[in-house]
Amino acid sequence: PDEDFSGRVYANGIATVRGPVSDLAVTATATTAARSRFTLSLAGSSSAHTSDFISFVDHTPLHQSSIHQSSIGSADNLTAAPKGAVTLSLQINVTPEATVSVLLDKRTGDRLQGRGEGDVRFTYVYPTGDMSLFGGLTLQQGTFGFTFQNVIRREFQIAEGSSVRWNG
């Protein structure tokens, strides 16, 4: 998809909407519910192209991989919202009923997908597209689709208990 994020999320929680239409702030604290599916596209973001974007860490001699980034942080790096903007700030308690997918490359379809639990803070500013994501998930199940030079396509099963962390 060309969108930064897409899907349908069912949730229970509290939301507030503040400010004039020309400078709207939507803040919510929510817990995901059954049948939720959410895709976050990092395919166009600058962080998706750095070499330390994904690191595999072996925590056991059985080679159960864990995908890891540093833990929860702040959204201080977002630029101030321009006039006419909508700022969406979500504190989400993700439950195993939700499927989360992170699209890494639109062309190849490389993605990380899974179910698990954890707390995530997501901030998005429209129309600039500034986005931040902090927190992490402990996966109960998941896959990592990887394509090498458009020739070899592999899908890796992610071991239960692996974690995904975002810091920015």
Protein backbone atom coordinates (compact mmCIF):
# COMPACT_ATOMS: atom_id res chain seq x y z
CA PRO A 1 0.00 0.00 0.00
CA ASP A 2 1.01 3.62 -0.53
CA GLU A 3 -0.31 4.59 2.91
CA ASP A 4 1.94 4.89 5.95
CA PHE A 5 -0.43 2.58 7.80
CA SER A 6 -3.61 0.66 7.05
CA GLY A 7 -5.91 -1.97 8.45
CA ARG A 8 -8.85 -2.31 10.74
CA VAL A 9 -8.33 -2.20 14.49
CA TYR A 10 -11.03 -3.05 16.98
CA ALA A 11 -10.26 -1.71 20.43
CA ASN A 12 -11.62 -0.69 23.80
CA GLY A 13 -10.37 2.48 25.42
CA ILE A 14 -10.67 6.20 25.93
CA ALA A 15 -10.09 8.89 23.32
CA THR A 16 -10.08 12.68 23.46
CA VAL A 17 -10.34 15.12 20.57
CA ARG A 18 -9.13 18.67 21.26
CA GLY A 19 -8.60 21.87 19.39
CA PRO A 20 -10.07 23.62 16.39
CA VAL A 21 -10.43 21.78 13.07
CA SER A 22 -7.40 23.71 11.84
CA ASP A 23 -5.17 22.17 14.55
CA LEU A 24 -6.78 18.98 15.86
CA ALA A 25 -5.21 16.67 18.44
CA VAL A 26 -6.58 13.13 18.87
CA THR A 27 -5.23 11.22 21.87
CA ALA A 28 -6.26 7.68 22.82
CA THR A 29 -5.37 4.90 25.21
CA ALA A 30 -6.70 1.57 23.96
CA THR A 31 -6.48 -2.22 24.15
CA THR A 32 -6.80 -4.20 20.92
CA ALA A 33 -9.67 -6.66 20.44
CA ALA A 34 -10.34 -9.72 18.26
CA ARG A 35 -10.08 -9.51 14.45
CA SER A 36 -7.74 -6.49 14.52
CA ARG A 37 -5.26 -6.30 11.62
CA PHE A 38 -2.80 -3.42 11.30
CA THR A 39 -0.03 -2.81 8.76
CA LEU A 40 2.66 -0.19 9.26
CA SER A 41 4.66 0.66 6.15
CA LEU A 42 8.29 1.54 6.77
CA ALA A 43 9.12 1.06 3.10
CA GLY A 44 9.43 4.79 2.47
CA SER A 45 10.92 5.87 5.79
CA SER A 46 14.57 6.81 6.16
CA SER A 47 15.04 4.49 9.14
CA ALA A 48 14.11 1.49 7.02
CA HIS A 49 17.25 1.95 4.95
CA THR A 50 19.83 1.97 7.74
CA SER A 51 21.90 -1.10 8.36
CA ASP A 52 20.88 -1.36 12.02
CA PHE A 53 17.15 -1.38 11.26
CA ILE A 54 16.79 -5.04 12.15
CA SER A 55 19.21 -6.99 14.24
CA PHE A 56 18.91 -10.67 15.03
CA VAL A 57 20.01 -11.64 18.50
CA ASP A 58 20.63 -15.24 19.58
CA HIS A 59 19.73 -15.55 23.28
CA THR A 60 19.93 -19.33 23.50
CA PRO A 61 22.19 -22.10 22.21
CA LEU A 62 19.14 -23.42 20.28
CA HIS A 63 19.37 -20.43 17.90
CA GLN A 64 15.93 -19.04 18.67
CA SER A 65 16.18 -15.60 17.05
CA SER A 66 14.88 -12.39 18.54
CA ILE A 67 14.32 -9.22 16.57
CA HIS A 68 15.41 -6.32 18.72
CA GLN A 69 15.63 -2.56 18.77
CA SER A 70 16.04 -0.36 21.84
CA SER A 71 13.11 0.02 24.22
CA ILE A 72 10.40 2.61 24.79
CA GLY A 73 11.36 6.27 24.37
CA SER A 74 9.86 9.65 23.60
CA ALA A 75 8.44 11.37 20.53
CA ASP A 76 10.57 14.50 20.98
CA ASN A 77 12.01 14.19 17.47
CA LEU A 78 8.67 14.99 15.77
CA THR A 79 8.47 18.43 14.24
CA ALA A 80 5.78 20.84 15.42
CA ALA A 81 2.46 20.25 13.68
CA PRO A 82 1.72 22.80 10.93
CA LYS A 83 -1.55 24.73 10.80
CA GLY A 84 -4.32 22.54 9.47
CA ALA A 85 -2.70 19.45 10.92
CA VAL A 86 -4.20 16.52 12.74
CA THR A 87 -1.96 14.93 15.37
CA LEU A 88 -2.82 11.36 16.33
CA SER A 89 -1.25 10.06 19.57
CA LEU A 90 -2.07 6.50 20.58
CA GLN A 91 -0.98 4.46 23.59
CA ILE A 92 -1.89 0.90 22.60
CA ASN A 93 -1.95 -2.24 24.70
CA VAL A 94 -1.56 -4.86 21.95
CA THR A 95 -3.11 -8.26 22.68
CA PRO A 96 -2.52 -11.60 20.90
CA GLU A 97 -5.90 -11.26 19.16
CA ALA A 98 -4.40 -8.56 16.91
CA THR A 99 -2.22 -9.27 13.87
CA VAL A 100 0.52 -6.68 13.36
CA SER A 101 2.42 -6.41 10.09
CA VAL A 102 5.41 -4.19 9.29
CA LEU A 103 6.01 -3.72 5.56
CA LEU A 104 9.73 -3.24 4.95
CA ASP A 105 9.89 -3.14 1.14
CA LYS A 106 6.90 -2.38 -1.10
CA ARG A 107 8.56 -3.74 -4.22
CA THR A 108 9.42 -7.18 -2.82
CA GLY A 109 6.70 -7.39 -0.17
CA ASP A 110 9.27 -8.08 2.57
CA ARG A 111 7.48 -7.89 5.88
CA LEU A 112 7.47 -8.86 9.51
CA GLN A 113 4.12 -10.19 10.69
CA GLY A 114 2.98 -11.64 13.97
CA ARG A 115 0.75 -11.86 16.99
CA GLY A 116 1.79 -11.09 20.52
CA GLU A 117 1.43 -8.68 23.37
CA GLY A 118 3.01 -5.48 24.54
CA ASP A 119 2.66 -1.72 24.82
CA VAL A 120 3.26 0.61 21.90
CA ARG A 121 3.08 4.39 21.59
CA PHE A 122 2.30 5.60 18.05
CA THR A 123 2.25 9.25 16.96
CA TYR A 124 1.33 10.45 13.48
CA VAL A 125 1.01 13.99 12.12
CA TYR A 126 -1.13 14.64 9.06
CA PRO A 127 -0.37 16.07 6.46
CA THR A 128 3.42 15.96 7.03
CA GLY A 129 3.49 12.20 7.56
CA ASP A 130 5.82 12.56 10.56
CA MET A 131 5.54 9.35 12.51
CA SER A 132 7.09 7.86 15.64
CA LEU A 133 6.74 4.44 17.21
CA PHE A 134 8.03 3.44 20.64
CA GLY A 135 7.64 0.30 22.70
CA GLY A 136 7.62 -3.36 21.95
CA LEU A 137 5.86 -6.65 21.49
CA THR A 138 6.65 -10.13 22.71
CA LEU A 139 5.59 -12.45 19.91
CA GLN A 140 3.59 -15.64 20.33
CA GLN A 141 3.90 -16.41 16.63
CA GLY A 142 5.25 -14.65 13.58
CA THR A 143 6.97 -14.72 10.22
CA PHE A 144 9.64 -12.67 8.52
CA GLY A 145 9.46 -12.60 4.71
CA PHE A 146 12.78 -11.78 3.08
CA THR A 147 13.77 -11.41 -0.58
CA PHE A 148 17.39 -11.41 -1.72
CA GLN A 149 18.02 -9.48 -4.95
CA ASN A 150 14.58 -10.37 -6.28
CA VAL A 151 15.73 -13.97 -6.81
CA ILE A 152 15.50 -15.80 -3.51
CA ARG A 153 12.39 -15.45 -1.36
CA ARG A 154 12.40 -17.02 2.10
CA GLU A 155 9.89 -16.95 4.89
CA PHE A 156 11.32 -17.44 8.37
CA GLN A 157 9.24 -18.56 11.33
CA ILE A 158 9.84 -16.37 14.37
CA ALA A 159 10.24 -18.30 17.63
CA GLU A 160 7.67 -17.77 20.38
CA GLY A 161 8.98 -15.33 22.99
CA SER A 162 10.95 -13.29 20.42
CA SER A 163 10.53 -9.54 20.75
CA VAL A 164 10.21 -6.54 18.50
CA ARG A 165 11.18 -3.10 19.85
CA TRP A 166 10.78 0.35 18.31
CA ASN A 167 12.54 3.52 19.33
CA GLY A 168 11.61 6.28 16.94
